[in-house]
C-alpha atoms as a PDB file:
ATOM      1  CA  UNK A   1      10.571 -58.923  62.780  1.00  0.00           C
ATOM      2  CA  UNK A   2       8.968 -55.750  63.155  1.00  0.00           C
ATOM      3  CA  UNK A   3       5.063 -54.925  62.047  1.00  0.00           C
ATOM      4  CA  UNK A   4       5.861 -53.378  58.878  1.00  0.00           C
ATOM      5  CA  UNK A   5       8.151 -56.210  57.794  1.00  0.00           C
ATOM      6  CA  UNK A   6       5.622 -58.838  58.745  1.00  0.00           C
ATOM      7  CA  UNK A   7       3.158 -57.271  56.615  1.00  0.00           C
ATOM      8  CA  UNK A   8       5.256 -56.844  53.463  1.00  0.00           C
ATOM      9  CA  UNK A   9       6.126 -60.465  53.613  1.00  0.00           C
ATOM     10  CA  UNK A  10       2.820 -61.516  53.959  1.00  0.00           C
ATOM     11  CA  UNK A  11       2.056 -59.158  51.058  1.00  0.00           C
ATOM     12  CA  UNK A  12       4.771 -60.580  49.191  1.00  0.00           C
ATOM     13  CA  UNK A  13       3.305 -63.858  49.982  1.00  0.00           C
ATOM     14  CA  UNK A  14      -0.156 -63.317  48.889  1.00  0.00           C
ATOM     15  CA  UNK A  15       0.838 -61.655  45.694  1.00  0.00           C
ATOM     16  CA  UNK A  16       3.291 -64.971  44.779  1.00  0.00           C
ATOM     17  CA  UNK A  17       0.519 -67.041  45.486  1.00  0.00           C
ATOM     18  CA  UNK A  18      -1.924 -65.257  43.263  1.00  0.00           C
ATOM     19  CA  UNK A  19       0.483 -65.336  40.554  1.00  0.00           C
ATOM     20  CA  UNK A  20       0.988 -68.903  41.174  1.00  0.00           C
ATOM     21  CA  UNK A  21      -2.593 -69.554  41.211  1.00  0.00           C
ATOM     22  CA  UNK A  22      -2.863 -67.482  37.807  1.00  0.00           C
ATOM     23  CA  UNK A  23      -0.557 -69.450  36.061  1.00  0.00           C
ATOM     24  CA  UNK A  24      -1.839 -73.134  37.194  1.00  0.00           C
ATOM     25  CA  UNK A  25      -5.423 -72.124  35.889  1.00  0.00           C
ATOM     26  CA  UNK A  26      -3.608 -70.627  32.819  1.00  0.00           C
ATOM     27  CA  UNK A  27      -1.750 -74.197  32.220  1.00  0.00           C
ATOM     28  CA  UNK A  28      -4.812 -75.753  32.877  1.00  0.00           C
ATOM     29  CA  UNK A  29      -7.380 -74.246  30.162  1.00  0.00           C
ATOM     30  CA  UNK A  30      -4.798 -74.834  27.769  1.00  0.00           C
ATOM     31  CA  UNK A  31      -4.587 -78.419  28.729  1.00  0.00           C
ATOM     32  CA  UNK A  32      -8.479 -78.771  28.106  1.00  0.00           C
ATOM     33  CA  UNK A  33      -8.220 -76.484  24.982  1.00  0.00           C
ATOM     34  CA  UNK A  34      -5.514 -79.241  23.496  1.00  0.00           C
ATOM     35  CA  UNK A  35      -7.744 -82.252  24.801  1.00  0.00           C
ATOM     36  CA  UNK A  36     -10.801 -80.768  23.041  1.00  0.00           C
ATOM     37  CA  UNK A  37      -9.221 -80.173  19.760  1.00  0.00           C
ATOM     38  CA  UNK A  38      -7.774 -83.473  19.748  1.00  0.00           C
ATOM     39  CA  UNK A  39     -10.626 -85.256  20.588  1.00  0.00           C
ATOM     40  CA  UNK A  40     -12.963 -83.525  17.825  1.00  0.00           C
ATOM     41  CA  UNK A  41     -10.042 -84.431  15.172  1.00  0.00           C
ATOM     42  CA  UNK A  42      -9.630 -87.969  16.689  1.00  0.00           C
ATOM     43  CA  UNK A  43     -13.514 -88.288  16.295  1.00  0.00           C
ATOM     44  CA  UNK A  44     -13.689 -87.039  12.694  1.00  0.00           C
ATOM     45  CA  UNK A  45     -10.786 -89.652  11.660  1.00  0.00           C
ATOM     46  CA  UNK A  46     -12.878 -92.475  13.525  1.00  0.00           C
ATOM     47  CA  UNK A  47     -15.445 -91.453  11.511  1.00  0.00           C
ATOM     48  CA  UNK A  48     -13.380 -92.311   8.365  1.00  0.00           C
ATOM     49  CA  UNK A  49     -12.287 -95.394   9.645  1.00  0.00           C
ATOM     50  CA  UNK A  50      -8.533 -94.512   9.894  1.00  0.00           C
ATOM     51  CA  UNK A  51      -7.219 -97.058  12.165  1.00  0.00           C
ATOM     52  CA  UNK A  52      -5.672 -95.919  15.728  1.00  0.00           C
ATOM     53  CA  UNK A  53      -2.021 -95.947  15.091  1.00  0.00           C
ATOM     54  CA  UNK A  54      -2.576 -94.216  12.041  1.00  0.00           C
ATOM     55  CA  UNK A  55      -4.901 -91.497  13.723  1.00  0.00           C
ATOM     56  CA  UNK A  56      -2.311 -91.071  16.574  1.00  0.00           C
ATOM     57  CA  UNK A  57       0.384 -90.623  13.938  1.00  0.00           C
ATOM     58  CA  UNK A  58      -1.450 -87.873  12.303  1.00  0.00           C
ATOM     59  CA  UNK A  59      -2.772 -86.258  15.477  1.00  0.00           C
ATOM     60  CA  UNK A  60       0.902 -85.850  16.650  1.00  0.00           C
ATOM     61  CA  UNK A  61       2.235 -83.956  13.308  1.00  0.00           C
ATOM     62  CA  UNK A  62      -0.937 -81.653  13.658  1.00  0.00           C
ATOM     63  CA  UNK A  63      -0.588 -80.780  17.237  1.00  0.00           C
ATOM     64  CA  UNK A  64       2.794 -78.155  16.336  1.00  0.00           C
ATOM     65  CA  UNK A  65       0.615 -75.834  14.543  1.00  0.00           C
ATOM     66  CA  UNK A  66      -1.713 -75.949  17.362  1.00  0.00           C
ATOM     67  CA  UNK A  67       0.907 -75.436  20.154  1.00  0.00           C
ATOM     68  CA  UNK A  68       3.329 -73.271  18.353  1.00  0.00           C
ATOM     69  CA  UNK A  69       2.208 -70.050  16.781  1.00  0.00           C
ATOM     70  CA  UNK A  70       5.402 -69.648  14.752  1.00  0.00           C
ATOM     71  CA  UNK A  71       4.230 -72.882  12.946  1.00  0.00           C
ATOM     72  CA  UNK A  72       1.828 -71.235  10.401  1.00  0.00           C
ATOM     73  CA  UNK A  73       3.943 -68.731   8.497  1.00  0.00           C
ATOM     74  CA  UNK A  74       2.654 -65.820   7.259  1.00  0.00           C
ATOM     75  CA  UNK A  75       5.042 -63.731   5.502  1.00  0.00           C
ATOM     76  CA  UNK A  76       6.414 -60.673   7.694  1.00  0.00           C
ATOM     77  CA  UNK A  77       3.740 -61.643  10.634  1.00  0.00           C
ATOM     78  CA  UNK A  78       4.237 -62.535  14.069  1.00  0.00           C
ATOM     79  CA  UNK A  79       1.900 -64.946  15.506  1.00  0.00           C
ATOM     80  CA  UNK A  80       0.858 -64.407  18.826  1.00  0.00           C
ATOM     81  CA  UNK A  81      -1.957 -67.449  19.214  1.00  0.00           C
ATOM     82  CA  UNK A  82      -3.238 -69.344  17.046  1.00  0.00           C
ATOM     83  CA  UNK A  83      -7.284 -70.585  17.999  1.00  0.00           C
ATOM     84  CA  UNK A  84      -8.491 -73.579  17.010  1.00  0.00           C
ATOM     85  CA  UNK A  85     -11.751 -73.248  14.970  1.00  0.00           C
ATOM     86  CA  UNK A  86     -12.944 -76.622  13.862  1.00  0.00           C
ATOM     87  CA  UNK A  87     -12.034 -79.368  11.520  1.00  0.00           C
ATOM     88  CA  UNK A  88     -13.650 -81.658   8.897  1.00  0.00           C
ATOM     89  CA  UNK A  89     -11.999 -84.413   7.395  1.00  0.00           C
ATOM     90  CA  UNK A  90     -11.827 -84.989   3.552  1.00  0.00           C
ATOM     91  CA  UNK A  91     -11.196 -88.070   1.588  1.00  0.00           C
ATOM     92  CA  UNK A  92     -10.816 -91.027   3.046  1.00  0.00           C
ATOM     93  CA  UNK A  93      -8.811 -94.096   5.230  1.00  0.00           C
ATOM     94  CA  UNK A  94      -6.403 -94.847   2.070  1.00  0.00           C
ATOM     95  CA  UNK A  95      -6.001 -91.199   1.525  1.00  0.00           C
ATOM     96  CA  UNK A  96      -6.824 -89.143   4.284  1.00  0.00           C
ATOM     97  CA  UNK A  97      -7.396 -85.326   4.222  1.00  0.00           C
ATOM     98  CA  UNK A  98      -7.775 -82.909   7.485  1.00  0.00           C
ATOM     99  CA  UNK A  99      -9.198 -79.547   7.229  1.00  0.00           C
ATOM    100  CA  UNK A 100      -8.507 -77.047  10.098  1.00  0.00           C
ATOM    101  CA  UNK A 101      -9.960 -73.781  10.946  1.00  0.00           C
ATOM    102  CA  UNK A 102      -7.789 -71.287  12.555  1.00  0.00           C
ATOM    103  CA  UNK A 103      -7.541 -67.513  13.899  1.00  0.00           C
ATOM    104  CA  UNK A 104      -4.357 -66.274  14.125  1.00  0.00           C
ATOM    105  CA  UNK A 105      -3.528 -63.356  15.921  1.00  0.00           C
ATOM    106  CA  UNK A 106      -0.631 -61.141  16.135  1.00  0.00           C
ATOM    107  CA  UNK A 107       1.350 -58.289  14.268  1.00  0.00           C
ATOM    108  CA  UNK A 108       3.351 -57.599  11.820  1.00  0.00           C
ATOM    109  CA  UNK A 109       7.126 -57.035  11.795  1.00  0.00           C
ATOM    110  CA  UNK A 110       8.723 -53.670  11.392  1.00  0.00           C
ATOM    111  CA  UNK A 111      10.746 -55.329   8.394  1.00  0.00           C
ATOM    112  CA  UNK A 112       7.781 -55.993   6.506  1.00  0.00           C
ATOM    113  CA  UNK A 113       5.878 -52.697   7.137  1.00  0.00           C
ATOM    114  CA  UNK A 114       9.010 -51.024   6.002  1.00  0.00           C
ATOM    115  CA  UNK A 115       8.500 -52.658   2.425  1.00  0.00           C
ATOM    116  CA  UNK A 116       4.586 -52.179   2.501  1.00  0.00           C
ATOM    117  CA  UNK A 117       5.696 -48.577   2.699  1.00  0.00           C
ATOM    118  CA  UNK A 118       7.264 -48.947  -0.696  1.00  0.00           C
ATOM    119  CA  UNK A 119       4.202 -49.934  -2.142  1.00  0.00           C
ATOM    120  CA  UNK A 120       2.368 -46.862  -0.714  1.00  0.00           C
ATOM    121  CA  UNK A 121       4.520 -44.044   0.035  1.00  0.00           C
ATOM    122  CA  UNK A 122       3.349 -41.239   1.546  1.00  0.00           C
ATOM    123  CA  UNK A 123       0.780 -43.120   3.801  1.00  0.00           C
ATOM    124  CA  UNK A 124       1.928 -43.048   7.491  1.00  0.00           C
ATOM    125  CA  UNK A 125      -1.423 -43.651   8.540  1.00  0.00           C
ATOM    126  CA  UNK A 126      -1.038 -47.100   7.428  1.00  0.00           C
ATOM    127  CA  UNK A 127       1.776 -47.593   8.673  1.00  0.00           C
ATOM    128  CA  UNK A 128       0.910 -46.608  12.056  1.00  0.00           C
ATOM    129  CA  UNK A 129      -2.077 -48.500  12.047  1.00  0.00           C
ATOM    130  CA  UNK A 130      -0.030 -52.184  10.857  1.00  0.00           C
ATOM    131  CA  UNK A 131       2.727 -51.191  13.469  1.00  0.00           C
ATOM    132  CA  UNK A 132       0.329 -50.829  16.646  1.00  0.00           C
ATOM    133  CA  UNK A 133      -3.183 -52.586  15.682  1.00  0.00           C
ATOM    134  CA  UNK A 134      -3.424 -56.410  16.142  1.00  0.00           C
ATOM    135  CA  UNK A 135      -4.685 -58.253  13.000  1.00  0.00           C
ATOM    136  CA  UNK A 136      -6.362 -61.205  13.280  1.00  0.00           C
ATOM    137  CA  UNK A 137      -6.457 -63.969  10.461  1.00  0.00           C
ATOM    138  CA  UNK A 138      -9.224 -66.248   9.972  1.00  0.00           C
ATOM    139  CA  UNK A 139      -6.929 -69.678   8.321  1.00  0.00           C
ATOM    140  CA  UNK A 140      -7.687 -72.855   6.721  1.00  0.00           C
ATOM    141  CA  UNK A 141      -5.099 -75.386   6.619  1.00  0.00           C
ATOM    142  CA  UNK A 142      -5.378 -78.319   5.188  1.00  0.00           C
ATOM    143  CA  UNK A 143      -3.158 -81.809   5.558  1.00  0.00           C
ATOM    144  CA  UNK A 144      -3.420 -84.395   3.282  1.00  0.00           C
ATOM    145  CA  UNK A 145      -1.771 -87.492   4.327  1.00  0.00           C
ATOM    146  CA  UNK A 146      -1.221 -91.236   3.137  1.00  0.00           C
ATOM    147  CA  UNK A 147      -2.832 -94.302   4.609  1.00  0.00           C
ATOM    148  CA  UNK A 148       0.088 -94.983   7.403  1.00  0.00           C
ATOM    149  CA  UNK A 149       0.107 -91.234   8.328  1.00  0.00           C
ATOM    150  CA  UNK A 150       2.624 -89.394   6.301  1.00  0.00           C
ATOM    151  CA  UNK A 151       2.370 -86.078   5.516  1.00  0.00           C
ATOM    152  CA  UNK A 152       2.843 -85.724   1.886  1.00  0.00           C
ATOM    153  CA  UNK A 153       1.629 -81.952   1.413  1.00  0.00           C
ATOM    154  CA  UNK A 154       0.037 -78.997   3.052  1.00  0.00           C
ATOM    155  CA  UNK A 155      -2.059 -75.889   1.866  1.00  0.00           C
ATOM    156  CA  UNK A 156      -2.884 -72.792   3.505  1.00  0.00           C
ATOM    157  CA  UNK A 157      -6.036 -70.072   2.858  1.00  0.00           C
ATOM    158  CA  UNK A 158      -5.955 -66.946   4.270  1.00  0.00           C
ATOM    159  CA  UNK A 159      -8.459 -64.562   4.279  1.00  0.00           C
ATOM    160  CA  UNK A 160      -6.679 -61.431   4.090  1.00  0.00           C
ATOM    161  CA  UNK A 161      -8.910 -58.836   3.234  1.00  0.00           C
ATOM    162  CA  UNK A 162     -11.143 -59.225   6.004  1.00  0.00           C
ATOM    163  CA  UNK A 163      -8.582 -59.507   8.524  1.00  0.00           C
ATOM    164  CA  UNK A 164      -6.779 -56.073   7.125  1.00  0.00           C
ATOM    165  CA  UNK A 165     -10.133 -54.217   6.606  1.00  0.00           C
ATOM    166  CA  UNK A 166     -10.238 -54.644  10.662  1.00  0.00           C
ATOM    167  CA  UNK A 167      -7.010 -53.501  11.116  1.00  0.00           C
ATOM    168  CA  UNK A 168      -6.907 -50.534   8.624  1.00  0.00           C
ATOM    169  CA  UNK A 169     -10.983 -49.713   8.873  1.00  0.00           C
ATOM    170  CA  UNK A 170     -11.484 -48.733   5.345  1.00  0.00           C
ATOM    171  CA  UNK A 171     -10.883 -50.467   1.858  1.00  0.00           C
ATOM    172  CA  UNK A 172      -8.938 -48.119   0.505  1.00  0.00           C
ATOM    173  CA  UNK A 173      -5.439 -49.334   0.801  1.00  0.00           C
ATOM    174  CA  UNK A 174      -6.554 -52.988   1.706  1.00  0.00           C
ATOM    175  CA  UNK A 175      -6.202 -54.382  -2.301  1.00  0.00           C
ATOM    176  CA  UNK A 176      -2.654 -52.568  -2.647  1.00  0.00           C
ATOM    177  CA  UNK A 177      -1.418 -54.564   1.099  1.00  0.00           C
ATOM    178  CA  UNK A 178      -3.060 -58.103   0.090  1.00  0.00           C
ATOM    179  CA  UNK A 179      -1.456 -57.182  -2.888  1.00  0.00           C
ATOM    180  CA  UNK A 180       2.019 -57.347  -2.099  1.00  0.00           C
ATOM    181  CA  UNK A 181       1.753 -59.291   1.345  1.00  0.00           C
ATOM    182  CA  UNK A 182       0.350 -62.622  -0.821  1.00  0.00           C
ATOM    183  CA  UNK A 183       2.980 -61.987  -3.549  1.00  0.00           C
ATOM    184  CA  UNK A 184       5.982 -62.047  -0.919  1.00  0.00           C
ATOM    185  CA  UNK A 185       4.008 -64.915   0.976  1.00  0.00           C
ATOM    186  CA  UNK A 186       4.312 -66.968  -2.424  1.00  0.00           C
ATOM    187  CA  UNK A 187       7.380 -66.330  -3.061  1.00  0.00           C
ATOM    188  CA  UNK A 188       8.952 -67.440   0.373  1.00  0.00           C
ATOM    189  CA  UNK A 189       6.592 -70.492   0.115  1.00  0.00           C
ATOM    190  CA  UNK A 190       8.609 -71.219  -3.288  1.00  0.00           C
ATOM    191  CA  UNK A 191      11.922 -70.487  -1.169  1.00  0.00           C
ATOM    192  CA  UNK A 192      11.373 -72.759   1.367  1.00  0.00           C
ATOM    193  CA  UNK A 193      10.290 -75.438  -0.501  1.00  0.00           C
ATOM    194  CA  UNK A 194      13.345 -75.638  -2.895  1.00  0.00           C
ATOM    195  CA  UNK A 195      15.338 -75.241   0.391  1.00  0.00           C
ATOM    196  CA  UNK A 196      17.609 -72.248  -1.301  1.00  0.00           C
ATOM    197  CA  UNK A 197      17.292 -69.805   1.217  1.00  0.00           C
ATOM    198  CA  UNK A 198      17.088 -69.509   5.519  1.00  0.00           C
ATOM    199  CA  UNK A 199      16.611 -65.881   5.739  1.00  0.00           C
ATOM    200  CA  UNK A 200      14.572 -64.563   7.819  1.00  0.00           C
ATOM    201  CA  UNK A 201      12.171 -61.468   7.272  1.00  0.00           C
ATOM    202  CA  UNK A 202      14.630 -59.078   9.073  1.00  0.00           C
ATOM    203  CA  UNK A 203      17.491 -60.302   6.294  1.00  0.00           C
ATOM    204  CA  UNK A 204      15.313 -60.082   3.348  1.00  0.00           C
ATOM    205  CA  UNK A 205      14.348 -56.563   4.213  1.00  0.00           C
ATOM    206  CA  UNK A 206      17.958 -55.462   4.992  1.00  0.00           C
ATOM    207  CA  UNK A 207      18.634 -55.956   0.951  1.00  0.00           C
ATOM    208  CA  UNK A 208      15.308 -54.158   0.100  1.00  0.00           C
ATOM    209  CA  UNK A 209      17.584 -50.690   0.201  1.00  0.00           C
ATOM    210  CA  UNK A 210      15.892 -49.329   3.463  1.00  0.00           C
ATOM    211  CA  UNK A 211      17.911 -48.960   6.596  1.00  0.00           C
ATOM    212  CA  UNK A 212      16.712 -50.611  10.422  1.00  0.00           C
ATOM    213  CA  UNK A 213      15.812 -47.048  11.239  1.00  0.00           C
ATOM    214  CA  UNK A 214      13.761 -45.899   8.022  1.00  0.00           C
ATOM    215  CA  UNK A 215      10.302 -46.631  10.020  1.00  0.00           C
ATOM    216  CA  UNK A 216      11.235 -45.003  12.624  1.00  0.00           C
ATOM    217  CA  UNK A 217      12.416 -41.767  10.858  1.00  0.00           C
ATOM    218  CA  UNK A 218       9.257 -42.036   8.290  1.00  0.00           C
ATOM    219  CA  UNK A 219       6.834 -42.157  11.419  1.00  0.00           C
ATOM    220  CA  UNK A 220       8.970 -39.064  13.023  1.00  0.00           C
ATOM    221  CA  UNK A 221       9.044 -36.989  10.076  1.00  0.00           C
ATOM    222  CA  UNK A 222       6.320 -34.273  10.629  1.00  0.00           C
END
């Protein structure tokens, strides 16, 4: 092995070590984050005298929302992360209600942005901002459980205005965008509850009269 080959070998080894170390640290941080919110929620449940077995069952049903960003369904919005920001208890041990305060980070899909353009034609600047700027939504999710820990309902509140205002930078068209997104989100929830459609956001967009390439065409038109 020549000196050049030896140097390359050790550089590659060091890069691999750094990459593995970074991944390990990230995994440990994620584990610590999960342990933190689980401990807080268990403490809240214990304060309401919820039995341990029921608390464990409730925690199991909350975990997917905290570990799988796509579990928080916002119309046309691709969640990249969900940050836990607090929890509190409502009700009692006979009908426990767990409320979570979350921060959802992500971006809107091209299909959703194309449909927004139908509501606000001629504003390519808004399309550009929605397409390229990340969006953060403060959310509150309430889970309603029975005395044995079965989830019977879930409510979602989203601070649409503040999230879009940070993305768009002004209030001029926030109301129009919010009106459309909230209406579409409510329609999605109804469809999901009725189990009448399993279409994706892109599938719904395909029936809106816009081709998949129209967004690129709009933004490229001088």
